[in-house]
Amino acid sequence: MSDVPAGWRRWLWFLRSRKVQTACVTVVLAMLADHGIVAGEDFVAAIIAVGTAVILGIAVEDHGAKSSTPGGT
């Protein structure tokens, strides 16, 4: 078997990242709020701010997991 993804997995490999998933959801929600839902600019800004905070939290969590020592400190 080959480890090279085929078909749609070949084009959507980047969606395995939690950061990319969060960014995509943030953009889609902001676009829907801007065009579909009757909402002000504050609501769109809040969606973007929450998405950014979640991405930052994931990045900090990933960094902590990579930099932790096996000894427990």
PDB file of N, CA and C in Angstrom:
ATOM      1  N   MET A   1       0.831  -1.191   0.000  1.00  0.00           N
ATOM      2  CA  MET A   1       0.000   0.000   0.000  1.00  0.00           C
ATOM      3  C   MET A   1       0.869   1.245   0.000  1.00  0.00           C
ATOM      4  N   SER A   2       0.363   2.244  -0.623  1.00  0.00           N
ATOM      5  CA  SER A   2       1.067   3.517  -0.691  1.00  0.00           C
ATOM      6  C   SER A   2       0.511   4.473   0.361  1.00  0.00           C
ATOM      7  N   ASP A   3       1.382   5.302   0.909  1.00  0.00           N
ATOM      8  CA  ASP A   3       0.946   6.290   1.895  1.00  0.00           C
ATOM      9  C   ASP A   3       0.464   7.582   1.240  1.00  0.00           C
ATOM     10  N   VAL A   4       0.531   7.658  -0.078  1.00  0.00           N
ATOM     11  CA  VAL A   4       0.103   8.856  -0.791  1.00  0.00           C
ATOM     12  C   VAL A   4      -1.415   8.857  -0.874  1.00  0.00           C
ATOM     13  N   PRO A   5      -2.065   9.922  -0.361  1.00  0.00           N
ATOM     14  CA  PRO A   5      -3.525   9.968  -0.427  1.00  0.00           C
ATOM     15  C   PRO A   5      -4.011  10.102  -1.867  1.00  0.00           C
ATOM     16  N   ALA A   6      -5.154   9.522  -2.124  1.00  0.00           N
ATOM     17  CA  ALA A   6      -5.725   9.575  -3.472  1.00  0.00           C
ATOM     18  C   ALA A   6      -7.092  10.246  -3.429  1.00  0.00           C
ATOM     19  N   GLY A   7      -7.528  10.686  -4.587  1.00  0.00           N
ATOM     20  CA  GLY A   7      -8.859  11.277  -4.719  1.00  0.00           C
ATOM     21  C   GLY A   7      -9.002  12.581  -3.962  1.00  0.00           C
ATOM     22  N   TRP A   8     -10.141  12.732  -3.291  1.00  0.00           N
ATOM     23  CA  TRP A   8     -10.432  13.991  -2.584  1.00  0.00           C
ATOM     24  C   TRP A   8      -9.504  14.205  -1.407  1.00  0.00           C
ATOM     25  N   ARG A   9      -8.970  13.150  -0.812  1.00  0.00           N
ATOM     26  CA  ARG A   9      -8.044  13.309   0.314  1.00  0.00           C
ATOM     27  C   ARG A   9      -6.759  14.006  -0.115  1.00  0.00           C
ATOM     28  N   ARG A  10      -6.403  13.830  -1.362  1.00  0.00           N
ATOM     29  CA  ARG A  10      -5.200  14.479  -1.875  1.00  0.00           C
ATOM     30  C   ARG A  10      -5.361  15.996  -1.880  1.00  0.00           C
ATOM     31  N   TRP A  11      -6.564  16.476  -2.118  1.00  0.00           N
ATOM     32  CA  TRP A  11      -6.804  17.919  -2.198  1.00  0.00           C
ATOM     33  C   TRP A  11      -7.192  18.534  -0.868  1.00  0.00           C
ATOM     34  N   LEU A  12      -7.670  17.742   0.058  1.00  0.00           N
ATOM     35  CA  LEU A  12      -8.155  18.280   1.345  1.00  0.00           C
ATOM     36  C   LEU A  12      -7.307  17.835   2.528  1.00  0.00           C
ATOM     37  N   TRP A  13      -6.053  17.508   2.307  1.00  0.00           N
ATOM     38  CA  TRP A  13      -5.180  17.019   3.373  1.00  0.00           C
ATOM     39  C   TRP A  13      -4.991  18.051   4.479  1.00  0.00           C
ATOM     40  N   PHE A  14      -5.031  19.323   4.140  1.00  0.00           N
ATOM     41  CA  PHE A  14      -4.787  20.376   5.125  1.00  0.00           C
ATOM     42  C   PHE A  14      -5.916  20.500   6.141  1.00  0.00           C
ATOM     43  N   LEU A  15      -7.075  19.936   5.882  1.00  0.00           N
ATOM     44  CA  LEU A  15      -8.198  20.030   6.816  1.00  0.00           C
ATOM     45  C   LEU A  15      -8.035  19.125   8.034  1.00  0.00           C
ATOM     46  N   ARG A  16      -6.956  18.353   8.099  1.00  0.00           N
ATOM     47  CA  ARG A  16      -6.697  17.537   9.280  1.00  0.00           C
ATOM     48  C   ARG A  16      -6.216  18.385  10.451  1.00  0.00           C
ATOM     49  N   SER A  17      -5.749  19.596  10.181  1.00  0.00           N
ATOM     50  CA  SER A  17      -5.251  20.483  11.225  1.00  0.00           C
ATOM     51  C   SER A  17      -6.416  21.171  11.934  1.00  0.00           C
ATOM     52  N   ARG A  18      -6.380  21.174  13.268  1.00  0.00           N
ATOM     53  CA  ARG A  18      -7.437  21.858  14.036  1.00  0.00           C
ATOM     54  C   ARG A  18      -7.419  23.355  13.783  1.00  0.00           C
ATOM     55  N   LYS A  19      -6.232  23.918  13.577  1.00  0.00           N
ATOM     56  CA  LYS A  19      -6.137  25.356  13.327  1.00  0.00           C
ATOM     57  C   LYS A  19      -6.803  25.728  12.005  1.00  0.00           C
ATOM     58  N   VAL A  20      -6.581  24.922  10.981  1.00  0.00           N
ATOM     59  CA  VAL A  20      -7.187  25.191   9.675  1.00  0.00           C
ATOM     60  C   VAL A  20      -8.697  25.017   9.751  1.00  0.00           C
ATOM     61  N   GLN A  21      -9.164  23.997  10.451  1.00  0.00           N
ATOM     62  CA  GLN A  21     -10.599  23.791  10.610  1.00  0.00           C
ATOM     63  C   GLN A  21     -11.249  24.989  11.302  1.00  0.00           C
ATOM     64  N   THR A  22     -10.619  25.468  12.366  1.00  0.00           N
ATOM     65  CA  THR A  22     -11.139  26.622  13.100  1.00  0.00           C
ATOM     66  C   THR A  22     -11.132  27.869  12.227  1.00  0.00           C
ATOM     67  N   ALA A  23     -10.073  28.069  11.470  1.00  0.00           N
ATOM     68  CA  ALA A  23      -9.998  29.238  10.594  1.00  0.00           C
ATOM     69  C   ALA A  23     -11.086  29.183   9.519  1.00  0.00           C
ATOM     70  N   CYS A  24     -11.318  28.010   8.944  1.00  0.00           N
ATOM     71  CA  CYS A  24     -12.360  27.875   7.918  1.00  0.00           C
ATOM     72  C   CYS A  24     -13.744  28.163   8.497  1.00  0.00           C
ATOM     73  N   VAL A  25     -14.027  27.625   9.678  1.00  0.00           N
ATOM     74  CA  VAL A  25     -15.323  27.870  10.314  1.00  0.00           C
ATOM     75  C   VAL A  25     -15.485  29.349  10.652  1.00  0.00           C
ATOM     76  N   THR A  26     -14.411  29.980  11.116  1.00  0.00           N
ATOM     77  CA  THR A  26     -14.468  31.405  11.450  1.00  0.00           C
ATOM     78  C   THR A  26     -14.778  32.245  10.225  1.00  0.00           C
ATOM     79  N   VAL A  27     -14.122  31.953   9.129  1.00  0.00           N
ATOM     80  CA  VAL A  27     -14.355  32.717   7.886  1.00  0.00           C
ATOM     81  C   VAL A  27     -15.776  32.504   7.389  1.00  0.00           C
ATOM     82  N   VAL A  28     -16.243  31.259   7.385  1.00  0.00           N
ATOM     83  CA  VAL A  28     -17.603  30.980   6.916  1.00  0.00           C
ATOM     84  C   VAL A  28     -18.637  31.669   7.794  1.00  0.00           C
ATOM     85  N   LEU A  29     -18.478  31.592   9.122  1.00  0.00           N
ATOM     86  CA  LEU A  29     -19.433  32.254  10.012  1.00  0.00           C
ATOM     87  C   LEU A  29     -19.417  33.771   9.840  1.00  0.00           C
ATOM     88  N   ALA A  30     -18.228  34.336   9.670  1.00  0.00           N
ATOM     89  CA  ALA A  30     -18.146  35.782   9.471  1.00  0.00           C
ATOM     90  C   ALA A  30     -18.812  36.195   8.162  1.00  0.00           C
ATOM     91  N   MET A  31     -18.627  35.398   7.117  1.00  0.00           N
ATOM     92  CA  MET A  31     -19.271  35.715   5.839  1.00  0.00           C
ATOM     93  C   MET A  31     -20.785  35.582   5.932  1.00  0.00           C
ATOM     94  N   LEU A  32     -21.257  34.527   6.614  1.00  0.00           N
ATOM     95  CA  LEU A  32     -22.695  34.362   6.791  1.00  0.00           C
ATOM     96  C   LEU A  32     -23.284  35.501   7.614  1.00  0.00           C
ATOM     97  N   ALA A  33     -22.588  35.886   8.656  1.00  0.00           N
ATOM     98  CA  ALA A  33     -23.088  36.982   9.494  1.00  0.00           C
ATOM     99  C   ALA A  33     -23.088  38.288   8.721  1.00  0.00           C
ATOM    100  N   ASP A  34     -22.114  38.464   7.862  1.00  0.00           N
ATOM    101  CA  ASP A  34     -22.021  39.713   7.097  1.00  0.00           C
ATOM    102  C   ASP A  34     -23.062  39.777   5.988  1.00  0.00           C
ATOM    103  N   HIS A  35     -23.382  38.642   5.385  1.00  0.00           N
ATOM    104  CA  HIS A  35     -24.281  38.647   4.226  1.00  0.00           C
ATOM    105  C   HIS A  35     -25.664  38.065   4.488  1.00  0.00           C
ATOM    106  N   GLY A  36     -25.764  37.094   5.373  1.00  0.00           N
ATOM    107  CA  GLY A  36     -27.037  36.408   5.528  1.00  0.00           C
ATOM    108  C   GLY A  36     -27.835  36.811   6.755  1.00  0.00           C
ATOM    109  N   ILE A  37     -27.185  36.930   7.849  1.00  0.00           N
ATOM    110  CA  ILE A  37     -27.863  37.230   9.106  1.00  0.00           C
ATOM    111  C   ILE A  37     -27.870  38.745   9.303  1.00  0.00           C
ATOM    112  N   VAL A  38     -28.951  39.240   9.847  1.00  0.00           N
ATOM    113  CA  VAL A  38     -29.008  40.667  10.149  1.00  0.00           C
ATOM    114  C   VAL A  38     -28.184  40.884  11.415  1.00  0.00           C
ATOM    115  N   ALA A  39     -26.969  41.331  11.216  1.00  0.00           N
ATOM    116  CA  ALA A  39     -26.070  41.523  12.350  1.00  0.00           C
ATOM    117  C   ALA A  39     -25.202  42.737  12.076  1.00  0.00           C
ATOM    118  N   GLY A  40     -24.748  43.331  13.132  1.00  0.00           N
ATOM    119  CA  GLY A  40     -23.902  44.497  12.991  1.00  0.00           C
ATOM    120  C   GLY A  40     -22.437  44.120  12.841  1.00  0.00           C
ATOM    121  N   GLU A  41     -21.635  45.139  12.682  1.00  0.00           N
ATOM    122  CA  GLU A  41     -20.206  44.932  12.539  1.00  0.00           C
ATOM    123  C   GLU A  41     -19.603  44.365  13.824  1.00  0.00           C
ATOM    124  N   ASP A  42     -20.210  44.677  14.953  1.00  0.00           N
ATOM    125  CA  ASP A  42     -19.699  44.162  16.225  1.00  0.00           C
ATOM    126  C   ASP A  42     -19.808  42.638  16.293  1.00  0.00           C
ATOM    127  N   PHE A  43     -20.891  42.086  15.751  1.00  0.00           N
ATOM    128  CA  PHE A  43     -21.083  40.637  15.759  1.00  0.00           C
ATOM    129  C   PHE A  43     -20.035  39.937  14.894  1.00  0.00           C
ATOM    130  N   VAL A  44     -19.768  40.486  13.722  1.00  0.00           N
ATOM    131  CA  VAL A  44     -18.749  39.925  12.830  1.00  0.00           C
ATOM    132  C   VAL A  44     -17.374  40.019  13.489  1.00  0.00           C
ATOM    133  N   ALA A  45     -17.086  41.141  14.120  1.00  0.00           N
ATOM    134  CA  ALA A  45     -15.806  41.306  14.811  1.00  0.00           C
ATOM    135  C   ALA A  45     -15.683  40.322  15.968  1.00  0.00           C
ATOM    136  N   ALA A  46     -16.785  40.055  16.666  1.00  0.00           N
ATOM    137  CA  ALA A  46     -16.758  39.095  17.769  1.00  0.00           C
ATOM    138  C   ALA A  46     -16.485  37.683  17.264  1.00  0.00           C
ATOM    139  N   ILE A  47     -17.079  37.310  16.135  1.00  0.00           N
ATOM    140  CA  ILE A  47     -16.832  35.988  15.551  1.00  0.00           C
ATOM    141  C   ILE A  47     -15.356  35.840  15.196  1.00  0.00           C
ATOM    142  N   ILE A  48     -14.798  36.851  14.562  1.00  0.00           N
ATOM    143  CA  ILE A  48     -13.387  36.799  14.173  1.00  0.00           C
ATOM    144  C   ILE A  48     -12.489  36.769  15.403  1.00  0.00           C
ATOM    145  N   ALA A  49     -12.836  37.528  16.423  1.00  0.00           N
ATOM    146  CA  ALA A  49     -12.023  37.550  17.646  1.00  0.00           C
ATOM    147  C   ALA A  49     -12.042  36.202  18.357  1.00  0.00           C
ATOM    148  N   VAL A  50     -13.206  35.581  18.441  1.00  0.00           N
ATOM    149  CA  VAL A  50     -13.301  34.272  19.095  1.00  0.00           C
ATOM    150  C   VAL A  50     -12.532  33.225  18.289  1.00  0.00           C
ATOM    151  N   GLY A  51     -12.664  33.243  16.975  1.00  0.00           N
ATOM    152  CA  GLY A  51     -11.915  32.310  16.131  1.00  0.00           C
ATOM    153  C   GLY A  51     -10.423  32.479  16.289  1.00  0.00           C
ATOM    154  N   THR A  52      -9.968  33.715  16.349  1.00  0.00           N
ATOM    155  CA  THR A  52      -8.545  33.990  16.543  1.00  0.00           C
ATOM    156  C   THR A  52      -8.077  33.501  17.907  1.00  0.00           C
ATOM    157  N   ALA A  53      -8.883  33.704  18.926  1.00  0.00           N
ATOM    158  CA  ALA A  53      -8.520  33.248  20.267  1.00  0.00           C
ATOM    159  C   ALA A  53      -8.430  31.721  20.336  1.00  0.00           C
ATOM    160  N   VAL A  54      -9.343  31.038  19.659  1.00  0.00           N
ATOM    161  CA  VAL A  54      -9.307  29.580  19.656  1.00  0.00           C
ATOM    162  C   VAL A  54      -8.065  29.077  18.928  1.00  0.00           C
ATOM    163  N   ILE A  55      -7.736  29.692  17.797  1.00  0.00           N
ATOM    164  CA  ILE A  55      -6.530  29.301  17.057  1.00  0.00           C
ATOM    165  C   ILE A  55      -5.288  29.538  17.908  1.00  0.00           C
ATOM    166  N   LEU A  56      -5.234  30.657  18.598  1.00  0.00           N
ATOM    167  CA  LEU A  56      -4.100  30.932  19.477  1.00  0.00           C
ATOM    168  C   LEU A  56      -4.025  29.911  20.604  1.00  0.00           C
ATOM    169  N   GLY A  57      -5.159  29.546  21.176  1.00  0.00           N
ATOM    170  CA  GLY A  57      -5.178  28.530  22.224  1.00  0.00           C
ATOM    171  C   GLY A  57      -4.682  27.183  21.727  1.00  0.00           C
ATOM    172  N   ILE A  58      -5.064  26.804  20.522  1.00  0.00           N
ATOM    173  CA  ILE A  58      -4.588  25.548  19.940  1.00  0.00           C
ATOM    174  C   ILE A  58      -3.083  25.610  19.729  1.00  0.00           C
ATOM    175  N   ALA A  59      -2.581  26.754  19.253  1.00  0.00           N
ATOM    176  CA  ALA A  59      -1.144  26.897  19.022  1.00  0.00           C
ATOM    177  C   ALA A  59      -0.365  26.791  20.330  1.00  0.00           C
ATOM    178  N   VAL A  60      -0.874  27.411  21.390  1.00  0.00           N
ATOM    179  CA  VAL A  60      -0.206  27.336  22.694  1.00  0.00           C
ATOM    180  C   VAL A  60      -0.238  25.897  23.215  1.00  0.00           C
ATOM    181  N   GLU A  61      -1.363  25.228  23.071  1.00  0.00           N
ATOM    182  CA  GLU A  61      -1.484  23.840  23.500  1.00  0.00           C
ATOM    183  C   GLU A  61      -0.517  22.938  22.727  1.00  0.00           C
ATOM    184  N   ASP A  62      -0.436  23.119  21.417  1.00  0.00           N
ATOM    185  CA  ASP A  62       0.485  22.327  20.604  1.00  0.00           C
ATOM    186  C   ASP A  62       1.933  22.584  20.991  1.00  0.00           C
ATOM    187  N   HIS A  63       2.266  23.839  21.259  1.00  0.00           N
ATOM    188  CA  HIS A  63       3.626  24.168  21.657  1.00  0.00           C
ATOM    189  C   HIS A  63       3.962  23.540  23.012  1.00  0.00           C
ATOM    190  N   GLY A  64       3.017  23.565  23.932  1.00  0.00           N
ATOM    191  CA  GLY A  64       3.246  22.959  25.240  1.00  0.00           C
ATOM    192  C   GLY A  64       3.414  21.457  25.146  1.00  0.00           C
ATOM    193  N   ALA A  65       2.677  20.825  24.258  1.00  0.00           N
ATOM    194  CA  ALA A  65       2.789  19.368  24.087  1.00  0.00           C
ATOM    195  C   ALA A  65       4.147  18.999  23.486  1.00  0.00           C
ATOM    196  N   LYS A  66       4.667  19.838  22.602  1.00  0.00           N
ATOM    197  CA  LYS A  66       5.932  19.539  21.946  1.00  0.00           C
ATOM    198  C   LYS A  66       7.124  19.849  22.839  1.00  0.00           C
ATOM    199  N   SER A  67       6.971  20.815  23.733  1.00  0.00           N
ATOM    200  CA  SER A  67       8.113  21.230  24.549  1.00  0.00           C
ATOM    201  C   SER A  67       8.150  20.562  25.930  1.00  0.00           C
ATOM    202  N   SER A  68       7.148  19.769  26.252  1.00  0.00           N
ATOM    203  CA  SER A  68       7.146  19.126  27.577  1.00  0.00           C
ATOM    204  C   SER A  68       8.191  18.016  27.610  1.00  0.00           C
ATOM    205  N   THR A  69       8.775  17.873  28.780  1.00  0.00           N
ATOM    206  CA  THR A  69       9.803  16.860  28.937  1.00  0.00           C
ATOM    207  C   THR A  69       9.176  15.572  29.458  1.00  0.00           C
ATOM    208  N   PRO A  70       9.768  14.436  29.144  1.00  0.00           N
ATOM    209  CA  PRO A  70       9.213  13.173  29.631  1.00  0.00           C
ATOM    210  C   PRO A  70       9.289  13.031  31.160  1.00  0.00           C
ATOM    211  N   GLY A  71      10.141  13.829  31.805  1.00  0.00           N
ATOM    212  CA  GLY A  71      10.282  13.751  33.253  1.00  0.00           C
ATOM    213  C   GLY A  71       9.100  14.306  34.018  1.00  0.00           C
ATOM    214  N   GLY A  72       8.247  15.114  33.355  1.00  0.00           N
ATOM    215  CA  GLY A  72       7.055  15.622  34.003  1.00  0.00           C
ATOM    216  C   GLY A  72       7.086  17.086  34.354  1.00  0.00           C
ATOM    217  N   THR A  73       8.184  17.802  34.133  1.00  0.00           N
ATOM    218  CA  THR A  73       8.237  19.209  34.486  1.00  0.00           C
ATOM    219  C   THR A  73       7.815  20.085  33.345  1.00  0.00           C
TER     220      THR A  73
END
